[in-house]
């Protein structure tokens, strides 16, 4: 219910924006913070409801494609590396020769794609809750090809 309220409030703010630009944004009620990203006129390029959440992909001239889940921006093509590379490479560098890796969550696939850059990796087990997020990211994001690597086994929980 909180997510629905936040999303509804964000949508109201978007409609009340003085700018004529189309935006995707989120409102954090507890601190009164609102942020938004200007998107192209053809946004969203994908929009559906999975078993678990609303999934949207938007486009922005500045940020490229944007993944939004339940009204909350998850990542953009332009800055996905800033967070995900740290999530992948810092733990990987704690081991001399990591061979088997477990990734839990991260249905966008970025962490999996970064883990595969390590030459010692022989196998990656990826466990994700929402299969639809994986499918959307395979289609819309360049790093979505990570699941095609024969070293990757993806398991969707139920």
C-alpha atoms as a PDB file:
ATOM      1  CA  UNK A   1       0.000   0.000   0.000  1.00  0.00           C
ATOM      2  CA  UNK A   2       2.856   2.407   0.780  1.00  0.00           C
ATOM      3  CA  UNK A   3       4.360   1.870  -2.667  1.00  0.00           C
ATOM      4  CA  UNK A   4       1.014   2.539  -4.316  1.00  0.00           C
ATOM      5  CA  UNK A   5       0.579   5.740  -2.288  1.00  0.00           C
ATOM      6  CA  UNK A   6       4.101   6.879  -3.126  1.00  0.00           C
ATOM      7  CA  UNK A   7       3.639   6.086  -6.810  1.00  0.00           C
ATOM      8  CA  UNK A   8       0.274   7.867  -6.888  1.00  0.00           C
ATOM      9  CA  UNK A   9       1.762  10.909  -5.195  1.00  0.00           C
ATOM     10  CA  UNK A  10       4.699  10.927  -7.610  1.00  0.00           C
ATOM     11  CA  UNK A  11       2.326  10.732 -10.561  1.00  0.00           C
ATOM     12  CA  UNK A  12       0.328  13.661  -9.169  1.00  0.00           C
ATOM     13  CA  UNK A  13       3.524  15.667  -8.838  1.00  0.00           C
ATOM     14  CA  UNK A  14       4.454  14.806 -12.396  1.00  0.00           C
ATOM     15  CA  UNK A  15       1.087  16.034 -13.651  1.00  0.00           C
ATOM     16  CA  UNK A  16       1.484  19.265 -11.676  1.00  0.00           C
ATOM     17  CA  UNK A  17       4.999  19.967 -12.947  1.00  0.00           C
ATOM     18  CA  UNK A  18       5.233  23.429 -14.490  1.00  0.00           C
ATOM     19  CA  UNK A  19       7.574  22.150 -17.191  1.00  0.00           C
ATOM     20  CA  UNK A  20       6.110  20.790 -20.381  1.00  0.00           C
ATOM     21  CA  UNK A  21       8.683  17.981 -20.283  1.00  0.00           C
ATOM     22  CA  UNK A  22       7.574  14.409 -19.652  1.00  0.00           C
ATOM     23  CA  UNK A  23       9.257  12.993 -16.538  1.00  0.00           C
ATOM     24  CA  UNK A  24       9.471   9.844 -14.455  1.00  0.00           C
ATOM     25  CA  UNK A  25       9.919  10.491 -10.763  1.00  0.00           C
ATOM     26  CA  UNK A  26       9.569   9.274  -7.240  1.00  0.00           C
ATOM     27  CA  UNK A  27       8.472  10.919  -4.012  1.00  0.00           C
ATOM     28  CA  UNK A  28       9.845   9.900  -0.611  1.00  0.00           C
ATOM     29  CA  UNK A  29       6.994  10.820   1.696  1.00  0.00           C
ATOM     30  CA  UNK A  30       8.881  10.431   4.986  1.00  0.00           C
ATOM     31  CA  UNK A  31      11.427  13.113   4.068  1.00  0.00           C
ATOM     32  CA  UNK A  32       9.411  15.115   1.542  1.00  0.00           C
ATOM     33  CA  UNK A  33      11.931  14.520  -1.249  1.00  0.00           C
ATOM     34  CA  UNK A  34      11.000  14.350  -4.925  1.00  0.00           C
ATOM     35  CA  UNK A  35      13.309  13.582  -7.812  1.00  0.00           C
ATOM     36  CA  UNK A  36      12.610  13.166 -11.485  1.00  0.00           C
ATOM     37  CA  UNK A  37      14.272  12.446 -14.817  1.00  0.00           C
ATOM     38  CA  UNK A  38      13.091  13.975 -18.073  1.00  0.00           C
ATOM     39  CA  UNK A  39      12.163  11.209 -20.505  1.00  0.00           C
ATOM     40  CA  UNK A  40      11.508  11.175 -24.241  1.00  0.00           C
ATOM     41  CA  UNK A  41       8.038  11.525 -25.707  1.00  0.00           C
ATOM     42  CA  UNK A  42       7.874   7.813 -26.611  1.00  0.00           C
ATOM     43  CA  UNK A  43       8.342   6.761 -22.968  1.00  0.00           C
ATOM     44  CA  UNK A  44       7.599   4.295 -21.624  1.00  0.00           C
ATOM     45  CA  UNK A  45       8.932   1.922 -24.269  1.00  0.00           C
ATOM     46  CA  UNK A  46       7.836  -0.997 -22.093  1.00  0.00           C
ATOM     47  CA  UNK A  47       5.205  -1.184 -19.363  1.00  0.00           C
ATOM     48  CA  UNK A  48       3.655  -4.244 -17.705  1.00  0.00           C
ATOM     49  CA  UNK A  49       2.739  -5.745 -14.369  1.00  0.00           C
ATOM     50  CA  UNK A  50       4.552  -8.926 -13.319  1.00  0.00           C
ATOM     51  CA  UNK A  51       3.368 -11.252 -10.591  1.00  0.00           C
ATOM     52  CA  UNK A  52       5.279  -9.058  -8.116  1.00  0.00           C
ATOM     53  CA  UNK A  53       5.612  -5.504  -9.408  1.00  0.00           C
ATOM     54  CA  UNK A  54       5.067  -2.882 -12.087  1.00  0.00           C
ATOM     55  CA  UNK A  55       7.928  -2.907 -14.611  1.00  0.00           C
ATOM     56  CA  UNK A  56       8.673   0.027 -16.894  1.00  0.00           C
ATOM     57  CA  UNK A  57      11.497   0.939 -19.244  1.00  0.00           C
ATOM     58  CA  UNK A  58      11.781   4.599 -20.195  1.00  0.00           C
ATOM     59  CA  UNK A  59      14.233   6.470 -22.390  1.00  0.00           C
ATOM     60  CA  UNK A  60      16.043   9.720 -21.705  1.00  0.00           C
ATOM     61  CA  UNK A  61      18.326  11.726 -23.958  1.00  0.00           C
ATOM     62  CA  UNK A  62      20.788  12.120 -21.077  1.00  0.00           C
ATOM     63  CA  UNK A  63      20.490   8.805 -19.181  1.00  0.00           C
ATOM     64  CA  UNK A  64      19.612   6.371 -21.981  1.00  0.00           C
ATOM     65  CA  UNK A  65      17.236   3.605 -20.936  1.00  0.00           C
ATOM     66  CA  UNK A  66      15.835   3.669 -17.404  1.00  0.00           C
ATOM     67  CA  UNK A  67      14.517   0.663 -15.466  1.00  0.00           C
ATOM     68  CA  UNK A  68      11.658   1.551 -13.105  1.00  0.00           C
ATOM     69  CA  UNK A  69      10.080  -0.971 -10.706  1.00  0.00           C
ATOM     70  CA  UNK A  70       6.938  -0.007  -8.794  1.00  0.00           C
ATOM     71  CA  UNK A  71       7.542   3.639  -9.639  1.00  0.00           C
ATOM     72  CA  UNK A  72      11.103   3.667  -8.297  1.00  0.00           C
ATOM     73  CA  UNK A  73      14.086   4.184 -10.597  1.00  0.00           C
ATOM     74  CA  UNK A  74      16.397   1.170 -10.302  1.00  0.00           C
ATOM     75  CA  UNK A  75      19.108   2.094 -12.779  1.00  0.00           C
ATOM     76  CA  UNK A  76      19.898   3.994 -15.935  1.00  0.00           C
ATOM     77  CA  UNK A  77      22.246   3.054 -18.751  1.00  0.00           C
ATOM     78  CA  UNK A  78      24.379   6.090 -18.028  1.00  0.00           C
ATOM     79  CA  UNK A  79      25.067   5.487 -14.349  1.00  0.00           C
ATOM     80  CA  UNK A  80      24.347   1.800 -13.693  1.00  0.00           C
ATOM     81  CA  UNK A  81      28.075   1.142 -13.519  1.00  0.00           C
ATOM     82  CA  UNK A  82      28.603   3.419 -10.496  1.00  0.00           C
ATOM     83  CA  UNK A  83      26.681   1.122  -8.160  1.00  0.00           C
ATOM     84  CA  UNK A  84      26.787  -2.274  -9.840  1.00  0.00           C
ATOM     85  CA  UNK A  85      30.501  -2.430 -10.578  1.00  0.00           C
ATOM     86  CA  UNK A  86      31.222  -1.865  -6.887  1.00  0.00           C
ATOM     87  CA  UNK A  87      28.688  -4.558  -5.968  1.00  0.00           C
ATOM     88  CA  UNK A  88      30.443  -7.020  -8.273  1.00  0.00           C
ATOM     89  CA  UNK A  89      34.144  -6.235  -8.294  1.00  0.00           C
ATOM     90  CA  UNK A  90      34.822  -5.420  -4.633  1.00  0.00           C
ATOM     91  CA  UNK A  91      33.731  -8.861  -3.372  1.00  0.00           C
ATOM     92  CA  UNK A  92      35.347 -10.569  -6.359  1.00  0.00           C
ATOM     93  CA  UNK A  93      38.700  -8.964  -5.557  1.00  0.00           C
ATOM     94  CA  UNK A  94      38.590 -10.323  -2.011  1.00  0.00           C
ATOM     95  CA  UNK A  95      39.350 -13.761  -3.459  1.00  0.00           C
ATOM     96  CA  UNK A  96      42.495 -14.698  -5.348  1.00  0.00           C
ATOM     97  CA  UNK A  97      40.792 -16.813  -8.010  1.00  0.00           C
ATOM     98  CA  UNK A  98      36.993 -16.873  -7.628  1.00  0.00           C
ATOM     99  CA  UNK A  99      35.607 -19.777  -9.625  1.00  0.00           C
ATOM    100  CA  UNK A 100      32.009 -20.230  -8.448  1.00  0.00           C
ATOM    101  CA  UNK A 101      29.858 -17.190  -7.709  1.00  0.00           C
ATOM    102  CA  UNK A 102      26.352 -16.822  -6.293  1.00  0.00           C
ATOM    103  CA  UNK A 103      24.338 -13.701  -7.151  1.00  0.00           C
ATOM    104  CA  UNK A 104      21.063 -13.296  -5.264  1.00  0.00           C
ATOM    105  CA  UNK A 105      18.688 -10.717  -6.709  1.00  0.00           C
ATOM    106  CA  UNK A 106      19.871  -8.230  -9.273  1.00  0.00           C
ATOM    107  CA  UNK A 107      17.322  -9.198 -11.884  1.00  0.00           C
ATOM    108  CA  UNK A 108      18.592  -6.437 -14.161  1.00  0.00           C
ATOM    109  CA  UNK A 109      21.670  -8.625 -14.816  1.00  0.00           C
ATOM    110  CA  UNK A 110      24.313  -5.940 -14.459  1.00  0.00           C
ATOM    111  CA  UNK A 111      26.127  -7.583 -11.529  1.00  0.00           C
ATOM    112  CA  UNK A 112      26.117 -10.940 -13.329  1.00  0.00           C
ATOM    113  CA  UNK A 113      27.639  -9.311 -16.427  1.00  0.00           C
ATOM    114  CA  UNK A 114      30.387  -7.727 -14.320  1.00  0.00           C
ATOM    115  CA  UNK A 115      31.185 -10.957 -12.462  1.00  0.00           C
ATOM    116  CA  UNK A 116      31.686 -12.678 -15.824  1.00  0.00           C
ATOM    117  CA  UNK A 117      34.519 -10.260 -16.636  1.00  0.00           C
ATOM    118  CA  UNK A 118      36.748 -12.086 -14.146  1.00  0.00           C
ATOM    119  CA  UNK A 119      38.709 -14.739 -16.073  1.00  0.00           C
ATOM    120  CA  UNK A 120      38.812 -17.183 -13.151  1.00  0.00           C
ATOM    121  CA  UNK A 121      34.994 -17.468 -13.014  1.00  0.00           C
ATOM    122  CA  UNK A 122      33.859 -20.901 -14.132  1.00  0.00           C
ATOM    123  CA  UNK A 123      30.241 -20.796 -12.968  1.00  0.00           C
ATOM    124  CA  UNK A 124      27.694 -18.215 -11.790  1.00  0.00           C
ATOM    125  CA  UNK A 125      24.474 -19.190 -10.031  1.00  0.00           C
ATOM    126  CA  UNK A 126      21.965 -16.352 -10.287  1.00  0.00           C
ATOM    127  CA  UNK A 127      18.835 -16.558  -8.122  1.00  0.00           C
ATOM    128  CA  UNK A 128      16.045 -14.077  -8.808  1.00  0.00           C
ATOM    129  CA  UNK A 129      12.431 -13.709  -7.723  1.00  0.00           C
ATOM    130  CA  UNK A 130      10.903 -11.977 -10.742  1.00  0.00           C
ATOM    131  CA  UNK A 131      11.474 -13.719 -14.066  1.00  0.00           C
ATOM    132  CA  UNK A 132       9.730 -10.885 -15.902  1.00  0.00           C
ATOM    133  CA  UNK A 133      12.403  -8.379 -14.828  1.00  0.00           C
ATOM    134  CA  UNK A 134      15.045 -10.679 -16.311  1.00  0.00           C
ATOM    135  CA  UNK A 135      13.141 -10.980 -19.598  1.00  0.00           C
ATOM    136  CA  UNK A 136      12.661  -7.227 -19.862  1.00  0.00           C
ATOM    137  CA  UNK A 137      16.342  -6.539 -19.170  1.00  0.00           C
ATOM    138  CA  UNK A 138      17.433  -9.213 -21.663  1.00  0.00           C
ATOM    139  CA  UNK A 139      15.446  -7.358 -24.295  1.00  0.00           C
ATOM    140  CA  UNK A 140      16.146  -3.729 -23.406  1.00  0.00           C
ATOM    141  CA  UNK A 141      19.645  -3.504 -21.891  1.00  0.00           C
ATOM    142  CA  UNK A 142      23.000  -4.368 -23.463  1.00  0.00           C
ATOM    143  CA  UNK A 143      24.206  -6.260 -20.388  1.00  0.00           C
ATOM    144  CA  UNK A 144      21.100  -8.473 -20.640  1.00  0.00           C
ATOM    145  CA  UNK A 145      23.155 -10.887 -22.720  1.00  0.00           C
ATOM    146  CA  UNK A 146      24.900 -12.049 -19.529  1.00  0.00           C
ATOM    147  CA  UNK A 147      22.385 -14.885 -19.103  1.00  0.00           C
ATOM    148  CA  UNK A 148      23.388 -16.260 -22.515  1.00  0.00           C
ATOM    149  CA  UNK A 149      26.856 -17.045 -21.200  1.00  0.00           C
ATOM    150  CA  UNK A 150      27.172 -20.832 -20.721  1.00  0.00           C
ATOM    151  CA  UNK A 151      28.770 -20.265 -17.309  1.00  0.00           C
ATOM    152  CA  UNK A 152      25.521 -18.809 -15.950  1.00  0.00           C
ATOM    153  CA  UNK A 153      22.692 -20.806 -14.401  1.00  0.00           C
ATOM    154  CA  UNK A 154      19.640 -18.706 -13.567  1.00  0.00           C
ATOM    155  CA  UNK A 155      17.085 -19.983 -11.053  1.00  0.00           C
ATOM    156  CA  UNK A 156      13.795 -18.200 -10.521  1.00  0.00           C
ATOM    157  CA  UNK A 157      12.334 -18.696  -7.051  1.00  0.00           C
ATOM    158  CA  UNK A 158       8.630 -19.233  -6.555  1.00  0.00           C
END
